[in-house]
Amino acid sequence: MSAKATWKVSAAVMLSRVLGLARETMFAGLFGGSRWMDCFYLAFRVPNLLRDLFAEGALSQAFVTTFSKKVESDGPEKAWVLANRMMTLAAIFMSLVTLVGIFVAPWIVQLLTSFSKSGETARDYNVAEISLMVEMVRVMYPFIALVSLSALVMGMLNARNIFGMPALASCFFNIGSMAGGAALGYWMDPSWGPRSLVGFSWGVVIGGIAQLVCQFPALRAVGYRFVADFKWNDDGVRQILKLMGPAVIAASVTQVNVVVNSMFAYGVGEGAVSWLSYAFRLMQLPIGVFGVAVATVTLPALSRAAINGVSRDFGPTLAKGLKLVMFLVFPATVGLVMLAGPIISLLYERGKFDATDRIATAGALQAYGYGLLFYAGLKVLQPAFYAIEKRWFPMIASFMALAVNIVCNYLFVFVFKWGHESLALTTSIVACMNFIFLYVAMIRYAGDIGTRGLLSAFLKIGVATAVMAGICHAANRYVFNDLTGMALLMKAVWLAAVMAAAGGIYFAIALILKVEEVTDMLLIVKRKAGKIK
């Protein structure tokens, strides 16, 4: 695995996540934690679930694994034939899925709102919400077909060691969805009422088109030319579909849990779905920037290391990926949890997003944060099973996780009467259980993958993170004790200063403790500066 490639992908994904955060900030200012925003997020759950499945999940993982092995064994020309067959199959099948989804949209919304606890007196109140959600689901459903094709293009480029443009593709989605959605939303409802959210739904489709088309030049540069090919009775196609079956379940566990959480949250009360969504977007920053980036670079290397069974390079490659995730995500997790209030206040607290929304969103973010490290680790660990063709274990783990998620949500919401934060906590519990189960299973099949080294790295990184946490705690007590009365500029200045100080202390202590990843990063920086030829 190339650390240089990982940092390059991280930079591209960072830009994408920042743009995604800007999109959420725009929503927060325009709609706050309103019931209409709840409707939009709930309607977006189905296409967004399948986006994560295909763009960062089952299709991408299965395709990259098979395509990489095809390039190694039969050469690029044979691999392009496989790519054409998969593109043709995906275009036709996902178009049919889109048409079916548009037709059954009322039943989808009925399912999404089935856990609502609205009583008889609130039923009329929900009629407009249900109608709006059905319309938005129908508008956004074509996004599924677009993102499926985008995932295949991304997989081809990654397998050919082109990581930058695929990582940047999500930037084009965010720009397209923001610009197109805002223009259409204002045109449909200048007062930014519920009709404007239909405009933002069209923006999602515009963003999907941009995400797909922006990758075409890079794909053409590596030698790909699309030719419709209906010969789907092919060993490579069958292998991809064979890997995808269990992978769809395994890779979807967290996103399915988020959908289930939203279904429960719709019944908790107005604003709960929005608060969880705003918090989840922030949680995805370190995952997207670091977890997905490391997984993107690691998967082709793992696939090559498992062409003729598990080679000696497999364990070290996997361990390196997990340690890199730990090094990057652990401090980010503690920072998000401890500085949740000031971060959310700076990013969201304006317009219709008030102090009540800030406190509620911060509680959800802290609960999500407890499982963040495990969630990021899963991005690296799950694909490793597909590389060694032991795809059933992630599927089994996902079945267990879904069951635990539903049981915990029911107990927390309906029995214990806890709030929306408990739904985020369930996601953390499930991520932790899933990771532990898969890690133990991987040891069984791949042998020692460097557990002692991982524990040593965890202790060193833990010490550095603990000191960093002390700085965050002091900042909360002495600097951010009155967020409501603090000016926006002062929030930005102080938060930047605290994060810089905390990050600097973390890296300094990690360097003193001889954490390998710090050395790798410094070498990259020195090479960029021309100090090492």
Protein backbone atom coordinates (compact mmCIF):
# COMPACT_ATOMS: atom_id res chain seq x y z
CA MET A 1 0.00 0.00 0.00
CA SER A 2 1.34 3.47 -0.93
CA ALA A 3 1.17 6.04 1.85
CA LYS A 4 1.64 8.70 -0.81
CA ALA A 5 -1.46 7.46 -2.66
CA THR A 6 -3.39 7.38 0.59
CA TRP A 7 -2.61 11.02 1.35
CA LYS A 8 -3.52 12.02 -2.21
CA VAL A 9 -6.91 10.30 -1.93
CA SER A 10 -7.37 11.79 1.54
CA ALA A 11 -6.90 15.30 0.18
CA ALA A 12 -9.43 14.70 -2.60
CA VAL A 13 -11.95 13.13 -0.26
CA MET A 14 -11.39 15.93 2.28
CA LEU A 15 -12.51 18.46 -0.32
CA SER A 16 -15.55 16.33 -1.11
CA ARG A 17 -16.51 16.02 2.55
CA VAL A 18 -16.03 19.74 3.14
CA LEU A 19 -18.36 20.47 0.21
CA GLY A 20 -20.83 17.94 1.63
CA LEU A 21 -20.62 19.73 4.96
CA ALA A 22 -21.23 23.04 3.19
CA ARG A 23 -24.37 21.49 1.72
CA GLU A 24 -25.56 20.45 5.18
CA THR A 25 -24.74 23.92 6.54
CA MET A 26 -26.92 25.43 3.83
CA PHE A 27 -29.78 23.09 4.76
CA ALA A 28 -29.38 23.89 8.47
CA GLY A 29 -29.53 27.64 7.89
CA LEU A 30 -32.54 27.42 5.57
CA PHE A 31 -34.60 24.78 7.35
CA GLY A 32 -33.05 24.07 10.80
CA GLY A 33 -34.49 21.03 12.56
CA SER A 34 -37.93 21.40 11.00
CA ARG A 35 -40.39 18.67 10.12
CA TRP A 36 -39.91 19.49 6.41
CA MET A 37 -36.18 18.89 6.70
CA ASP A 38 -37.01 15.61 8.44
CA CYS A 39 -39.09 14.70 5.37
CA PHE A 40 -36.24 15.45 2.95
CA TYR A 41 -33.69 13.41 4.89
CA LEU A 42 -36.08 10.51 5.28
CA ALA A 43 -36.89 10.55 1.54
CA PHE A 44 -33.18 10.67 0.71
CA ARG A 45 -32.43 7.62 2.84
CA VAL A 46 -33.20 5.04 0.13
CA PRO A 47 -31.08 6.50 -2.71
CA ASN A 48 -28.35 7.45 -0.24
CA LEU A 49 -28.31 3.92 1.18
CA LEU A 50 -27.78 2.50 -2.30
CA ARG A 51 -25.23 5.22 -3.03
CA ASP A 52 -23.08 4.02 -0.14
CA LEU A 53 -23.64 0.40 -1.13
CA PHE A 54 -22.48 0.94 -4.70
CA ALA A 55 -20.12 3.91 -4.53
CA GLU A 56 -18.17 2.74 -1.48
CA GLY A 57 -19.54 -0.73 -0.92
CA ALA A 58 -20.61 -3.95 -2.56
CA LEU A 59 -20.38 -3.20 -6.29
CA SER A 60 -17.14 -1.24 -6.03
CA GLN A 61 -15.46 -3.81 -3.76
CA ALA A 62 -16.57 -6.82 -5.81
CA PHE A 63 -15.63 -5.18 -9.10
CA VAL A 64 -12.21 -3.91 -7.98
CA THR A 65 -11.33 -7.32 -6.54
CA THR A 66 -12.26 -9.21 -9.72
CA PHE A 67 -11.04 -6.56 -12.18
CA SER A 68 -7.62 -6.27 -10.47
CA LYS A 69 -7.11 -10.02 -10.64
CA LYS A 70 -8.22 -10.00 -14.29
CA VAL A 71 -5.63 -7.36 -15.15
CA GLU A 72 -2.91 -9.34 -13.37
CA SER A 73 -3.79 -12.71 -14.90
CA ASP A 74 -5.09 -11.89 -18.41
CA GLY A 75 -3.94 -8.34 -19.13
CA PRO A 76 -5.80 -5.01 -19.53
CA GLU A 77 -7.59 -5.87 -22.81
CA LYS A 78 -9.46 -8.83 -21.27
CA ALA A 79 -10.24 -6.69 -18.23
CA TRP A 80 -11.84 -3.98 -20.42
CA VAL A 81 -14.12 -6.60 -21.96
CA LEU A 82 -15.28 -7.53 -18.46
CA ALA A 83 -15.80 -3.85 -17.68
CA ASN A 84 -18.03 -3.38 -20.75
CA ARG A 85 -20.18 -6.34 -19.79
CA MET A 86 -20.63 -5.02 -16.25
CA MET A 87 -21.40 -1.48 -17.46
CA THR A 88 -24.08 -2.81 -19.82
CA LEU A 89 -25.58 -5.03 -17.14
CA ALA A 90 -25.57 -2.28 -14.52
CA ALA A 91 -27.14 0.29 -16.88
CA ILE A 92 -30.04 -1.98 -17.80
CA PHE A 93 -30.66 -3.50 -14.37
CA MET A 94 -30.44 -0.26 -12.39
CA SER A 95 -32.72 1.51 -14.89
CA LEU A 96 -35.33 -1.15 -14.18
CA VAL A 97 -34.76 -0.73 -10.44
CA THR A 98 -35.31 3.01 -10.86
CA LEU A 99 -38.60 2.53 -12.69
CA VAL A 100 -39.84 0.09 -10.05
CA GLY A 101 -38.77 2.46 -7.28
CA ILE A 102 -40.68 5.36 -8.80
CA PHE A 103 -43.81 3.19 -9.07
CA VAL A 104 -43.66 1.84 -5.51
CA ALA A 105 -42.66 5.17 -3.88
CA PRO A 106 -45.86 5.39 -1.77
CA TRP A 107 -45.12 2.00 -0.23
CA ILE A 108 -41.49 2.97 0.38
CA VAL A 109 -42.63 6.04 2.31
CA GLN A 110 -45.16 3.97 4.20
CA LEU A 111 -42.33 1.65 5.28
CA LEU A 112 -40.05 4.55 6.23
CA THR A 113 -42.73 6.06 8.47
CA SER A 114 -43.97 2.76 9.88
CA PHE A 115 -42.20 3.24 13.24
CA SER A 116 -43.75 6.65 13.78
CA LYS A 117 -45.61 6.98 17.06
CA SER A 118 -47.94 9.70 15.77
CA GLY A 119 -51.33 9.33 17.33
CA GLU A 120 -54.84 10.01 16.09
CA THR A 121 -54.60 13.76 16.72
CA ALA A 122 -51.41 14.03 14.65
CA ARG A 123 -52.55 12.02 11.63
CA ASP A 124 -53.86 15.01 9.64
CA TYR A 125 -50.67 16.86 10.51
CA ASN A 126 -48.67 14.17 8.71
CA VAL A 127 -50.67 14.06 5.45
CA ALA A 128 -48.68 16.89 3.83
CA GLU A 129 -45.42 15.35 5.00
CA ILE A 130 -46.24 11.95 3.50
CA SER A 131 -47.27 13.51 0.18
CA LEU A 132 -44.07 15.56 0.01
CA MET A 133 -41.92 12.52 0.82
CA VAL A 134 -43.51 10.44 -1.94
CA GLU A 135 -42.82 13.17 -4.48
CA MET A 136 -39.19 13.57 -3.35
CA VAL A 137 -38.52 9.81 -3.40
CA ARG A 138 -39.76 9.66 -7.00
CA VAL A 139 -37.62 12.60 -8.05
CA MET A 140 -34.44 11.26 -6.43
CA TYR A 141 -34.72 7.60 -7.46
CA PRO A 142 -32.83 7.94 -10.81
CA PHE A 143 -29.79 8.86 -8.73
CA ILE A 144 -29.43 5.14 -7.95
CA ALA A 145 -28.75 4.24 -11.58
CA LEU A 146 -26.31 7.13 -12.01
CA VAL A 147 -24.30 6.28 -8.91
CA SER A 148 -24.13 2.59 -9.87
CA LEU A 149 -22.43 3.45 -13.16
CA SER A 150 -20.21 5.93 -11.35
CA ALA A 151 -19.13 3.17 -8.96
CA LEU A 152 -18.03 0.96 -11.84
CA VAL A 153 -16.07 3.79 -13.43
CA MET A 154 -14.48 4.49 -10.05
CA GLY A 155 -13.56 0.82 -9.70
CA MET A 156 -11.89 0.71 -13.12
CA LEU A 157 -9.78 3.76 -12.34
CA ASN A 158 -8.80 2.53 -8.88
CA ALA A 159 -7.77 -0.84 -10.29
CA ARG A 160 -5.54 1.00 -12.77
CA ASN A 161 -3.99 2.92 -9.84
CA ILE A 162 -5.83 6.16 -10.66
CA PHE A 163 -7.20 7.41 -7.33
CA GLY A 164 -7.41 11.21 -7.55
CA MET A 165 -10.29 11.78 -9.97
CA PRO A 166 -12.54 9.04 -8.53
CA ALA A 167 -12.06 10.58 -5.09
CA LEU A 168 -12.88 14.01 -6.52
CA ALA A 169 -16.06 12.75 -8.19
CA SER A 170 -18.10 13.30 -5.04
CA CYS A 171 -17.05 16.97 -5.14
CA PHE A 172 -18.88 17.30 -8.43
CA PHE A 173 -21.93 15.67 -6.86
CA ASN A 174 -21.93 18.15 -4.00
CA ILE A 175 -21.40 21.16 -6.27
CA GLY A 176 -24.09 20.00 -8.69
CA SER A 177 -26.60 19.18 -5.98
CA MET A 178 -26.00 22.49 -4.17
CA ALA A 179 -26.01 24.79 -7.19
CA GLY A 180 -28.74 22.99 -9.10
CA GLY A 181 -30.83 22.35 -6.00
CA ALA A 182 -30.61 25.91 -4.72
CA ALA A 183 -31.53 27.37 -8.12
CA LEU A 184 -34.51 25.05 -8.63
CA GLY A 185 -35.53 25.32 -4.96
CA TYR A 186 -35.65 29.11 -5.10
CA TRP A 187 -37.53 28.97 -8.40
CA MET A 188 -40.15 26.60 -6.95
CA ASP A 189 -40.53 28.43 -3.62
CA PRO A 190 -38.67 31.75 -3.06
CA SER A 191 -39.73 31.73 0.62
CA TRP A 192 -37.78 28.45 1.12
CA GLY A 193 -40.86 26.55 2.18
CA PRO A 194 -41.49 22.81 1.72
CA ARG A 195 -41.79 23.07 -2.09
CA SER A 196 -38.19 24.28 -2.33
CA LEU A 197 -37.07 20.89 -1.02
CA VAL A 198 -38.46 19.31 -4.19
CA GLY A 199 -36.00 21.54 -6.05
CA PHE A 200 -33.19 20.22 -3.88
CA SER A 201 -34.38 16.69 -4.73
CA TRP A 202 -33.82 17.48 -8.42
CA GLY A 203 -30.42 18.80 -7.36
CA VAL A 204 -29.50 15.31 -6.15
CA VAL A 205 -30.07 13.96 -9.67
CA ILE A 206 -28.06 16.82 -11.21
CA GLY A 207 -25.23 16.01 -8.81
CA GLY A 208 -25.38 12.33 -9.77
CA ILE A 209 -24.94 13.20 -13.45
CA ALA A 210 -21.96 15.42 -12.62
CA GLN A 211 -20.36 12.69 -10.49
CA LEU A 212 -20.51 10.20 -13.37
CA VAL A 213 -19.52 12.43 -16.28
CA CYS A 214 -16.52 14.07 -14.56
CA GLN A 215 -14.68 10.71 -14.54
CA PHE A 216 -15.01 10.05 -18.27
CA PRO A 217 -11.81 11.91 -19.36
CA ALA A 218 -9.65 9.98 -16.87
CA LEU A 219 -11.26 6.69 -17.94
CA ARG A 220 -10.58 7.43 -21.59
CA ALA A 221 -6.96 8.31 -20.76
CA VAL A 222 -6.31 4.82 -19.34
CA GLY A 223 -7.57 3.19 -22.54
CA TYR A 224 -11.22 2.36 -21.86
CA ARG A 225 -13.79 2.58 -24.66
CA PHE A 226 -17.37 1.63 -23.95
CA VAL A 227 -19.01 -0.93 -26.22
CA ALA A 228 -22.35 -2.44 -25.22
CA ASP A 229 -21.77 -6.12 -24.45
CA PHE A 230 -24.66 -8.40 -23.48
CA LYS A 231 -22.54 -11.54 -22.99
CA TRP A 232 -23.21 -11.74 -19.27
CA ASN A 233 -22.62 -15.50 -19.06
CA ASP A 234 -18.99 -14.82 -18.27
CA ASP A 235 -16.81 -16.11 -15.44
CA GLY A 236 -15.80 -12.59 -14.43
CA VAL A 237 -19.37 -11.30 -14.37
CA ARG A 238 -20.51 -14.30 -12.38
CA GLN A 239 -17.66 -13.81 -9.92
CA ILE A 240 -18.57 -10.15 -9.38
CA LEU A 241 -22.24 -10.97 -8.83
CA LYS A 242 -21.24 -13.85 -6.59
CA LEU A 243 -19.15 -11.50 -4.45
CA MET A 244 -21.83 -8.82 -4.50
CA GLY A 245 -24.61 -10.93 -2.98
CA PRO A 246 -23.12 -11.22 0.51
CA ALA A 247 -21.24 -7.94 0.10
CA VAL A 248 -24.47 -5.97 -0.36
CA ILE A 249 -25.53 -7.07 3.10
CA ALA A 250 -22.12 -6.76 4.70
CA ALA A 251 -21.22 -3.34 3.34
CA SER A 252 -24.67 -1.91 4.03
CA VAL A 253 -24.88 -2.63 7.73
CA THR A 254 -24.12 0.87 8.99
CA GLN A 255 -26.21 2.62 6.35
CA VAL A 256 -29.13 0.23 6.87
CA ASN A 257 -28.82 0.95 10.57
CA VAL A 258 -28.95 4.68 9.78
CA VAL A 259 -32.15 4.12 7.79
CA VAL A 260 -33.65 2.13 10.66
CA ASN A 261 -32.55 4.85 13.08
CA SER A 262 -34.30 7.46 10.94
CA MET A 263 -37.47 5.37 10.91
CA PHE A 264 -37.44 5.29 14.70
CA ALA A 265 -36.41 8.95 14.89
CA TYR A 266 -39.41 10.04 12.82
CA GLY A 267 -41.54 8.84 15.72
CA VAL A 268 -39.37 10.40 18.45
CA GLY A 269 -40.38 13.93 17.56
CA GLU A 270 -39.92 16.87 15.19
CA GLY A 271 -36.27 17.53 14.36
CA ALA A 272 -34.89 14.14 15.43
CA VAL A 273 -34.22 12.94 11.86
CA SER A 274 -32.50 16.22 10.99
CA TRP A 275 -30.36 16.27 14.15
CA LEU A 276 -29.13 12.75 13.48
CA SER A 277 -28.39 13.63 9.84
CA TYR A 278 -26.42 16.77 10.70
CA ALA A 279 -24.39 14.78 13.25
CA PHE A 280 -23.85 11.84 10.89
CA ARG A 281 -22.45 14.20 8.24
CA LEU A 282 -19.81 15.38 10.70
CA MET A 283 -19.04 11.80 11.73
CA GLN A 284 -18.47 10.92 8.09
CA LEU A 285 -15.71 13.52 7.74
CA PRO A 286 -12.92 11.44 9.34
CA ILE A 287 -14.37 8.24 7.88
CA GLY A 288 -14.51 9.63 4.37
CA VAL A 289 -11.22 11.47 4.54
CA PHE A 290 -9.22 8.70 6.21
CA GLY A 291 -11.14 5.41 6.41
CA VAL A 292 -12.40 5.31 2.83
CA ALA A 293 -9.11 6.71 1.49
CA VAL A 294 -7.04 4.01 3.18
CA ALA A 295 -9.51 1.32 2.09
CA THR A 296 -9.47 2.59 -1.51
CA VAL A 297 -5.70 2.25 -1.75
CA THR A 298 -5.50 -0.97 0.29
CA LEU A 299 -8.08 -3.06 -1.59
CA PRO A 300 -6.17 -3.46 -4.90
CA ALA A 301 -3.00 -4.33 -2.95
CA LEU A 302 -4.88 -6.93 -0.89
CA SER A 303 -6.42 -8.39 -4.04
CA ARG A 304 -2.98 -8.77 -5.66
CA ALA A 305 -1.62 -10.35 -2.45
CA ALA A 306 -4.40 -12.98 -2.55
CA ILE A 307 -4.31 -14.07 -6.21
CA ASN A 308 -2.87 -17.50 -5.38
CA GLY A 309 -4.13 -17.69 -1.81
CA VAL A 310 -3.08 -15.64 1.20
CA SER A 311 0.52 -14.59 0.59
CA ARG A 312 3.07 -13.29 3.08
CA ASP A 313 2.29 -9.74 1.99
CA PHE A 314 -1.41 -9.99 2.86
CA GLY A 315 -1.15 -9.71 6.66
CA PRO A 316 1.32 -6.80 6.72
CA THR A 317 -0.71 -4.93 4.09
CA LEU A 318 -3.90 -5.30 6.10
CA ALA A 319 -2.18 -4.39 9.37
CA LYS A 320 -0.64 -1.32 7.78
CA GLY A 321 -4.06 -0.16 6.63
CA LEU A 322 -5.61 -0.69 10.07
CA LYS A 323 -2.77 1.12 11.83
CA LEU A 324 -3.01 4.03 9.44
CA VAL A 325 -6.76 4.28 10.07
CA MET A 326 -6.14 4.15 13.82
CA PHE A 327 -3.48 6.86 13.65
CA LEU A 328 -5.71 9.21 11.66
CA VAL A 329 -9.18 8.49 13.04
CA PHE A 330 -8.53 8.06 16.78
CA PRO A 331 -7.59 11.71 17.42
CA ALA A 332 -10.30 12.90 15.02
CA THR A 333 -12.84 10.89 17.01
CA VAL A 334 -11.82 12.38 20.35
CA GLY A 335 -11.76 15.87 18.86
CA LEU A 336 -15.29 15.51 17.44
CA VAL A 337 -16.68 14.10 20.68
CA MET A 338 -15.08 16.64 23.03
CA LEU A 339 -15.53 19.69 20.80
CA ALA A 340 -18.97 18.73 19.46
CA GLY A 341 -20.68 21.84 20.85
CA PRO A 342 -18.35 24.50 19.43
CA ILE A 343 -17.92 22.68 16.11
CA ILE A 344 -21.68 22.43 15.55
CA SER A 345 -22.21 26.00 16.73
CA LEU A 346 -19.65 27.30 14.26
CA LEU A 347 -20.88 25.28 11.30
CA TYR A 348 -24.63 25.21 11.78
CA GLU A 349 -25.88 27.77 14.32
CA ARG A 350 -27.39 30.46 12.13
CA GLY A 351 -30.68 31.18 10.39
CA LYS A 352 -33.32 28.68 11.54
CA PHE A 353 -30.77 26.50 13.36
CA ASP A 354 -30.82 27.68 17.00
CA ALA A 355 -29.19 26.72 20.32
CA THR A 356 -31.75 23.94 20.90
CA ASP A 357 -30.79 22.38 17.57
CA ARG A 358 -27.10 22.73 18.47
CA ILE A 359 -27.43 20.92 21.80
CA ALA A 360 -29.52 18.13 20.25
CA THR A 361 -27.11 17.67 17.33
CA ALA A 362 -24.07 17.68 19.65
CA GLY A 363 -25.59 14.89 21.74
CA ALA A 364 -26.09 12.78 18.62
CA LEU A 365 -22.54 13.47 17.40
CA GLN A 366 -21.02 12.41 20.71
CA ALA A 367 -23.00 9.17 20.65
CA TYR A 368 -21.91 8.46 17.06
CA GLY A 369 -18.31 9.20 18.03
CA TYR A 370 -18.02 6.26 20.42
CA GLY A 371 -18.04 3.84 17.49
CA LEU A 372 -16.24 5.98 14.94
CA LEU A 373 -12.89 4.19 15.12
CA PHE A 374 -14.54 0.78 14.64
CA TYR A 375 -16.66 2.08 11.77
CA ALA A 376 -13.56 3.42 9.98
CA GLY A 377 -11.71 0.15 10.62
CA LEU A 378 -14.53 -1.78 8.96
CA LYS A 379 -13.88 0.16 5.74
CA VAL A 380 -10.51 -1.62 5.56
CA LEU A 381 -11.37 -4.96 7.18
CA GLN A 382 -14.53 -5.88 5.26
CA PRO A 383 -12.98 -5.69 1.77
CA ALA A 384 -10.14 -7.95 2.95
CA PHE A 385 -12.63 -10.85 3.18
CA TYR A 386 -13.67 -10.33 -0.45
CA ALA A 387 -10.02 -10.34 -1.50
CA ILE A 388 -9.53 -13.82 0.03
CA GLU A 389 -13.02 -14.89 -1.15
CA LYS A 390 -14.40 -15.46 2.36
CA ARG A 391 -17.37 -13.21 1.73
CA TRP A 392 -19.79 -15.03 4.01
CA PHE A 393 -18.31 -13.80 7.27
CA PRO A 394 -19.08 -10.12 6.66
CA MET A 395 -22.61 -11.16 5.71
CA ILE A 396 -23.07 -13.17 8.92
CA ALA A 397 -21.71 -10.28 10.97
CA SER A 398 -24.14 -7.92 9.24
CA PHE A 399 -27.15 -10.10 10.02
CA MET A 400 -26.14 -10.08 13.66
CA ALA A 401 -25.60 -6.32 13.59
CA LEU A 402 -28.99 -5.61 12.05
CA ALA A 403 -30.72 -7.72 14.66
CA VAL A 404 -28.85 -5.99 17.51
CA ASN A 405 -29.61 -2.58 16.01
CA ILE A 406 -33.35 -3.15 15.78
CA VAL A 407 -33.57 -4.67 19.27
CA CYS A 408 -31.54 -1.85 20.85
CA ASN A 409 -33.53 0.83 19.05
CA TYR A 410 -36.80 -0.68 20.19
CA LEU A 411 -35.63 -0.94 23.80
CA PHE A 412 -34.07 2.53 23.90
CA VAL A 413 -36.99 4.37 22.24
CA PHE A 414 -40.14 2.45 23.12
CA VAL A 415 -39.21 0.80 26.44
CA PHE A 416 -36.71 3.15 28.10
CA LYS A 417 -38.17 6.27 26.39
CA TRP A 418 -34.70 7.64 25.60
CA GLY A 419 -34.21 10.36 23.00
CA HIS A 420 -32.65 10.51 19.56
CA GLU A 421 -29.11 10.23 21.00
CA SER A 422 -29.79 6.59 21.87
CA LEU A 423 -30.30 5.83 18.17
CA ALA A 424 -26.82 7.14 17.39
CA LEU A 425 -25.43 5.15 20.32
CA THR A 426 -26.89 1.98 18.82
CA THR A 427 -24.93 2.62 15.61
CA SER A 428 -21.72 2.81 17.66
CA ILE A 429 -22.50 -0.41 19.53
CA VAL A 430 -23.19 -2.25 16.27
CA ALA A 431 -19.98 -0.99 14.61
CA CYS A 432 -17.92 -2.17 17.60
CA MET A 433 -19.47 -5.65 17.62
CA ASN A 434 -19.12 -5.99 13.85
CA PHE A 435 -15.43 -5.07 13.85
CA ILE A 436 -14.49 -7.43 16.70
CA PHE A 437 -16.31 -10.35 15.08
CA LEU A 438 -14.65 -9.81 11.69
CA TYR A 439 -11.19 -9.26 13.16
CA VAL A 440 -11.31 -12.58 15.02
CA ALA A 441 -12.56 -14.32 11.85
CA MET A 442 -9.75 -12.78 9.78
CA ILE A 443 -7.12 -14.15 12.19
CA ARG A 444 -8.59 -17.59 11.68
CA TYR A 445 -8.20 -17.45 7.89
CA ALA A 446 -5.17 -15.23 7.38
CA GLY A 447 -3.19 -16.18 10.47
CA ASP A 448 -1.36 -13.57 12.48
CA ILE A 449 -2.07 -10.17 10.92
CA GLY A 450 0.03 -8.24 13.38
CA THR A 451 -2.22 -8.09 16.44
CA ARG A 452 0.69 -7.38 18.77
CA GLY A 453 1.82 -4.53 16.55
CA LEU A 454 -1.69 -3.15 16.39
CA LEU A 455 -2.02 -3.22 20.18
CA SER A 456 1.35 -1.51 20.56
CA ALA A 457 0.31 1.18 18.08
CA PHE A 458 -3.04 1.56 19.86
CA LEU A 459 -1.32 2.19 23.20
CA LYS A 460 1.09 4.75 21.74
CA ILE A 461 -1.64 6.52 19.80
CA GLY A 462 -3.88 6.34 22.88
CA VAL A 463 -1.30 8.16 25.00
CA ALA A 464 -0.93 10.93 22.41
CA THR A 465 -4.71 11.20 22.06
CA ALA A 466 -5.21 11.39 25.84
CA VAL A 467 -2.93 14.43 26.07
CA MET A 468 -4.80 15.98 23.16
CA ALA A 469 -8.09 15.31 24.95
CA GLY A 470 -6.84 17.27 27.96
CA ILE A 471 -6.40 20.35 25.76
CA CYS A 472 -9.93 19.93 24.37
CA HIS A 473 -11.35 19.60 27.89
CA ALA A 474 -9.61 22.78 29.03
CA ALA A 475 -10.92 24.63 25.97
CA ASN A 476 -14.51 23.58 26.71
CA ARG A 477 -14.21 24.75 30.30
CA TYR A 478 -12.45 28.09 29.82
CA VAL A 479 -13.05 29.15 26.20
CA PHE A 480 -16.32 27.65 24.94
CA ASN A 481 -18.37 28.05 28.13
CA ASP A 482 -20.82 30.51 26.49
CA LEU A 483 -21.33 29.57 22.85
CA THR A 484 -24.59 31.51 22.53
CA GLY A 485 -22.94 34.79 23.41
CA MET A 486 -19.73 34.21 21.45
CA ALA A 487 -19.37 35.96 18.08
CA LEU A 488 -19.01 33.77 14.98
CA LEU A 489 -15.53 35.09 14.20
CA MET A 490 -14.32 34.40 17.74
CA LYS A 491 -15.70 30.85 17.55
CA ALA A 492 -13.77 30.28 14.33
CA VAL A 493 -10.53 31.77 15.65
CA TRP A 494 -10.60 29.95 18.98
CA LEU A 495 -11.67 26.64 17.46
CA ALA A 496 -8.88 26.85 14.86
CA ALA A 497 -6.37 27.66 17.61
CA VAL A 498 -7.52 24.81 19.86
CA MET A 499 -7.51 22.30 17.00
CA ALA A 500 -4.06 23.42 15.85
CA ALA A 501 -2.67 23.15 19.39
CA ALA A 502 -4.32 19.77 20.01
CA GLY A 503 -3.17 18.42 16.64
CA GLY A 504 0.35 19.70 17.12
CA ILE A 505 0.64 18.10 20.56
CA TYR A 506 -0.75 14.83 19.18
CA PHE A 507 1.77 14.64 16.35
CA ALA A 508 4.65 15.68 18.60
CA ILE A 509 3.92 12.98 21.17
CA ALA A 510 3.32 10.39 18.44
CA LEU A 511 6.72 11.29 16.99
CA ILE A 512 8.39 10.98 20.39
CA LEU A 513 6.74 7.58 20.88
CA LYS A 514 7.99 6.54 17.41
CA VAL A 515 4.62 5.85 15.82
CA GLU A 516 5.50 4.59 12.32
CA GLU A 517 2.79 6.55 10.51
CA VAL A 518 4.23 9.89 11.67
CA THR A 519 7.54 8.97 10.07
CA ASP A 520 5.82 7.99 6.83
CA MET A 521 3.97 11.28 6.73
CA LEU A 522 7.11 13.34 7.39
CA LEU A 523 8.95 11.51 4.61
CA ILE A 524 6.19 12.40 2.17
CA VAL A 525 6.31 16.05 3.25
CA LYS A 526 10.11 16.14 2.90
CA ARG A 527 9.98 14.59 -0.56
CA LYS A 528 7.42 17.16 -1.61
CA ALA A 529 9.70 19.89 -0.31
CA GLY A 530 12.59 18.47 -2.32
CA LYS A 531 14.71 17.60 0.73
CA ILE A 532 14.89 13.94 -0.26
CA LYS A 533 15.54 13.05 -3.88
